[in-house]
């Protein structure tokens, strides 16, 4: 389990606990993206790295696939916070540090 501000991210159950008995369900890929970004909190993660880490080597997967998953994940996260939880940079993606407890 990981803390994302006042929320609890539970990768094993693919959920984000947003209150007592209130959860946002995540897909497998959304869970893997969020987990990888959390584990690399201090760094911007390139699109290519996320593609490799989440999908593995697959020539059929494009950055558009990743962008679509990030978009859908952001839609779910917007329900709990108007502040952007996943930041986009020219180099890639980074979890907003205000939502994560630094290790």
C-alpha atoms as a PDB file:
ATOM      1  CA  UNK A   1       0.000   0.000   0.000  1.00  0.00           C
ATOM      2  CA  UNK A   2       1.125   3.542  -0.758  1.00  0.00           C
ATOM      3  CA  UNK A   3      -0.126   6.876   0.558  1.00  0.00           C
ATOM      4  CA  UNK A   4      -1.167   9.411  -2.045  1.00  0.00           C
ATOM      5  CA  UNK A   5      -1.866  12.359   0.200  1.00  0.00           C
ATOM      6  CA  UNK A   6      -4.909  11.386   2.213  1.00  0.00           C
ATOM      7  CA  UNK A   7      -5.706   8.483  -0.121  1.00  0.00           C
ATOM      8  CA  UNK A   8      -4.446   4.891   0.026  1.00  0.00           C
ATOM      9  CA  UNK A   9      -3.295   3.229  -3.196  1.00  0.00           C
ATOM     10  CA  UNK A  10      -3.687  -0.551  -2.995  1.00  0.00           C
ATOM     11  CA  UNK A  11      -2.009  -2.145  -6.022  1.00  0.00           C
ATOM     12  CA  UNK A  12      -2.873  -5.699  -4.941  1.00  0.00           C
ATOM     13  CA  UNK A  13      -6.605  -4.951  -5.165  1.00  0.00           C
ATOM     14  CA  UNK A  14      -6.241  -2.386  -7.987  1.00  0.00           C
ATOM     15  CA  UNK A  15      -7.989   0.284  -5.956  1.00  0.00           C
ATOM     16  CA  UNK A  16      -7.504   3.759  -4.594  1.00  0.00           C
ATOM     17  CA  UNK A  17      -9.205   4.156  -1.233  1.00  0.00           C
ATOM     18  CA  UNK A  18     -10.694   7.640  -1.102  1.00  0.00           C
ATOM     19  CA  UNK A  19     -12.688   7.352   2.115  1.00  0.00           C
ATOM     20  CA  UNK A  20     -14.162   4.856   4.496  1.00  0.00           C
ATOM     21  CA  UNK A  21     -15.491   2.066   2.271  1.00  0.00           C
ATOM     22  CA  UNK A  22     -15.120   4.275  -0.833  1.00  0.00           C
ATOM     23  CA  UNK A  23     -12.828   3.117  -3.606  1.00  0.00           C
ATOM     24  CA  UNK A  24     -11.897   3.970  -7.156  1.00  0.00           C
ATOM     25  CA  UNK A  25     -11.307   0.827  -9.179  1.00  0.00           C
ATOM     26  CA  UNK A  26      -8.293   0.839 -11.475  1.00  0.00           C
ATOM     27  CA  UNK A  27      -7.450  -1.338 -14.444  1.00  0.00           C
ATOM     28  CA  UNK A  28      -4.338  -3.482 -14.445  1.00  0.00           C
ATOM     29  CA  UNK A  29      -2.453  -0.996 -16.627  1.00  0.00           C
ATOM     30  CA  UNK A  30      -3.607   2.035 -14.607  1.00  0.00           C
ATOM     31  CA  UNK A  31      -2.389   0.279 -11.467  1.00  0.00           C
ATOM     32  CA  UNK A  32       0.984  -0.506 -13.032  1.00  0.00           C
ATOM     33  CA  UNK A  33       1.406   3.074 -14.294  1.00  0.00           C
ATOM     34  CA  UNK A  34       0.565   4.593 -10.909  1.00  0.00           C
ATOM     35  CA  UNK A  35       2.790   2.110  -9.074  1.00  0.00           C
ATOM     36  CA  UNK A  36       5.757   2.768 -11.363  1.00  0.00           C
ATOM     37  CA  UNK A  37       5.348   6.540 -11.086  1.00  0.00           C
ATOM     38  CA  UNK A  38       5.168   6.261  -7.294  1.00  0.00           C
ATOM     39  CA  UNK A  39       8.316   4.138  -7.155  1.00  0.00           C
ATOM     40  CA  UNK A  40      10.077   6.779  -9.272  1.00  0.00           C
ATOM     41  CA  UNK A  41       8.643   9.743  -7.407  1.00  0.00           C
ATOM     42  CA  UNK A  42      11.780  11.861  -7.600  1.00  0.00           C
ATOM     43  CA  UNK A  43      12.177  11.411 -11.351  1.00  0.00           C
ATOM     44  CA  UNK A  44      10.339  12.213 -14.532  1.00  0.00           C
ATOM     45  CA  UNK A  45       9.620   8.883 -16.233  1.00  0.00           C
ATOM     46  CA  UNK A  46       9.912   8.890 -20.002  1.00  0.00           C
ATOM     47  CA  UNK A  47       7.111   7.562 -22.152  1.00  0.00           C
ATOM     48  CA  UNK A  48       9.440   4.896 -23.517  1.00  0.00           C
ATOM     49  CA  UNK A  49      10.337   3.713 -20.008  1.00  0.00           C
ATOM     50  CA  UNK A  50       6.679   3.473 -19.010  1.00  0.00           C
ATOM     51  CA  UNK A  51       5.854   1.580 -22.180  1.00  0.00           C
ATOM     52  CA  UNK A  52       8.660  -0.866 -21.515  1.00  0.00           C
ATOM     53  CA  UNK A  53       7.897  -1.298 -17.799  1.00  0.00           C
ATOM     54  CA  UNK A  54       4.112  -1.539 -18.074  1.00  0.00           C
ATOM     55  CA  UNK A  55       3.640  -3.295 -21.408  1.00  0.00           C
ATOM     56  CA  UNK A  56       7.017  -4.938 -21.865  1.00  0.00           C
ATOM     57  CA  UNK A  57       8.537  -5.138 -25.284  1.00  0.00           C
ATOM     58  CA  UNK A  58       5.740  -5.084 -27.837  1.00  0.00           C
ATOM     59  CA  UNK A  59       6.147  -3.382 -31.177  1.00  0.00           C
ATOM     60  CA  UNK A  60       2.359  -2.937 -31.460  1.00  0.00           C
ATOM     61  CA  UNK A  61       2.128  -0.644 -28.419  1.00  0.00           C
ATOM     62  CA  UNK A  62       2.552   3.055 -29.150  1.00  0.00           C
ATOM     63  CA  UNK A  63       2.840   6.197 -27.073  1.00  0.00           C
ATOM     64  CA  UNK A  64      -0.791   6.869 -28.036  1.00  0.00           C
ATOM     65  CA  UNK A  65      -1.770   3.758 -26.047  1.00  0.00           C
ATOM     66  CA  UNK A  66       0.087   5.111 -23.023  1.00  0.00           C
ATOM     67  CA  UNK A  67      -1.438   8.581 -23.422  1.00  0.00           C
ATOM     68  CA  UNK A  68      -4.923   7.053 -23.566  1.00  0.00           C
ATOM     69  CA  UNK A  69      -4.321   5.127 -20.330  1.00  0.00           C
ATOM     70  CA  UNK A  70      -2.911   8.243 -18.625  1.00  0.00           C
ATOM     71  CA  UNK A  71      -5.960  10.221 -19.799  1.00  0.00           C
ATOM     72  CA  UNK A  72      -8.385   7.641 -18.372  1.00  0.00           C
ATOM     73  CA  UNK A  73      -6.434   7.420 -15.132  1.00  0.00           C
ATOM     74  CA  UNK A  74      -6.511  11.209 -14.808  1.00  0.00           C
ATOM     75  CA  UNK A  75     -10.290  11.194 -15.343  1.00  0.00           C
ATOM     76  CA  UNK A  76     -10.671   8.834 -12.402  1.00  0.00           C
ATOM     77  CA  UNK A  77      -8.272  10.820 -10.231  1.00  0.00           C
ATOM     78  CA  UNK A  78     -10.048  14.098 -11.038  1.00  0.00           C
ATOM     79  CA  UNK A  79     -13.027  12.743  -9.080  1.00  0.00           C
ATOM     80  CA  UNK A  80     -11.004  13.019  -5.867  1.00  0.00           C
ATOM     81  CA  UNK A  81      -8.864  16.068  -6.511  1.00  0.00           C
ATOM     82  CA  UNK A  82      -9.053  19.047  -8.845  1.00  0.00           C
ATOM     83  CA  UNK A  83      -5.258  19.296  -8.574  1.00  0.00           C
ATOM     84  CA  UNK A  84      -3.332  17.331 -11.196  1.00  0.00           C
ATOM     85  CA  UNK A  85      -1.970  14.122  -9.623  1.00  0.00           C
ATOM     86  CA  UNK A  86       0.065  13.095 -12.673  1.00  0.00           C
ATOM     87  CA  UNK A  87       2.145  15.847 -14.242  1.00  0.00           C
ATOM     88  CA  UNK A  88       3.216  15.808 -17.883  1.00  0.00           C
ATOM     89  CA  UNK A  89       6.530  17.250 -18.993  1.00  0.00           C
ATOM     90  CA  UNK A  90       8.328  17.248 -22.323  1.00  0.00           C
ATOM     91  CA  UNK A  91      10.396  14.335 -21.000  1.00  0.00           C
ATOM     92  CA  UNK A  92       7.482  12.204 -19.735  1.00  0.00           C
ATOM     93  CA  UNK A  93       5.330  11.840 -16.636  1.00  0.00           C
ATOM     94  CA  UNK A  94       5.803  12.427 -12.923  1.00  0.00           C
ATOM     95  CA  UNK A  95       3.587  11.909  -9.925  1.00  0.00           C
ATOM     96  CA  UNK A  96       2.782  15.203  -8.227  1.00  0.00           C
ATOM     97  CA  UNK A  97       4.955  15.143  -5.113  1.00  0.00           C
ATOM     98  CA  UNK A  98       2.271  16.765  -2.976  1.00  0.00           C
ATOM     99  CA  UNK A  99       0.260  13.548  -3.241  1.00  0.00           C
ATOM    100  CA  UNK A 100       3.010  11.161  -2.230  1.00  0.00           C
ATOM    101  CA  UNK A 101       4.994  10.642   0.912  1.00  0.00           C
ATOM    102  CA  UNK A 102       8.676  10.681   0.030  1.00  0.00           C
ATOM    103  CA  UNK A 103      10.455   7.563   1.184  1.00  0.00           C
END
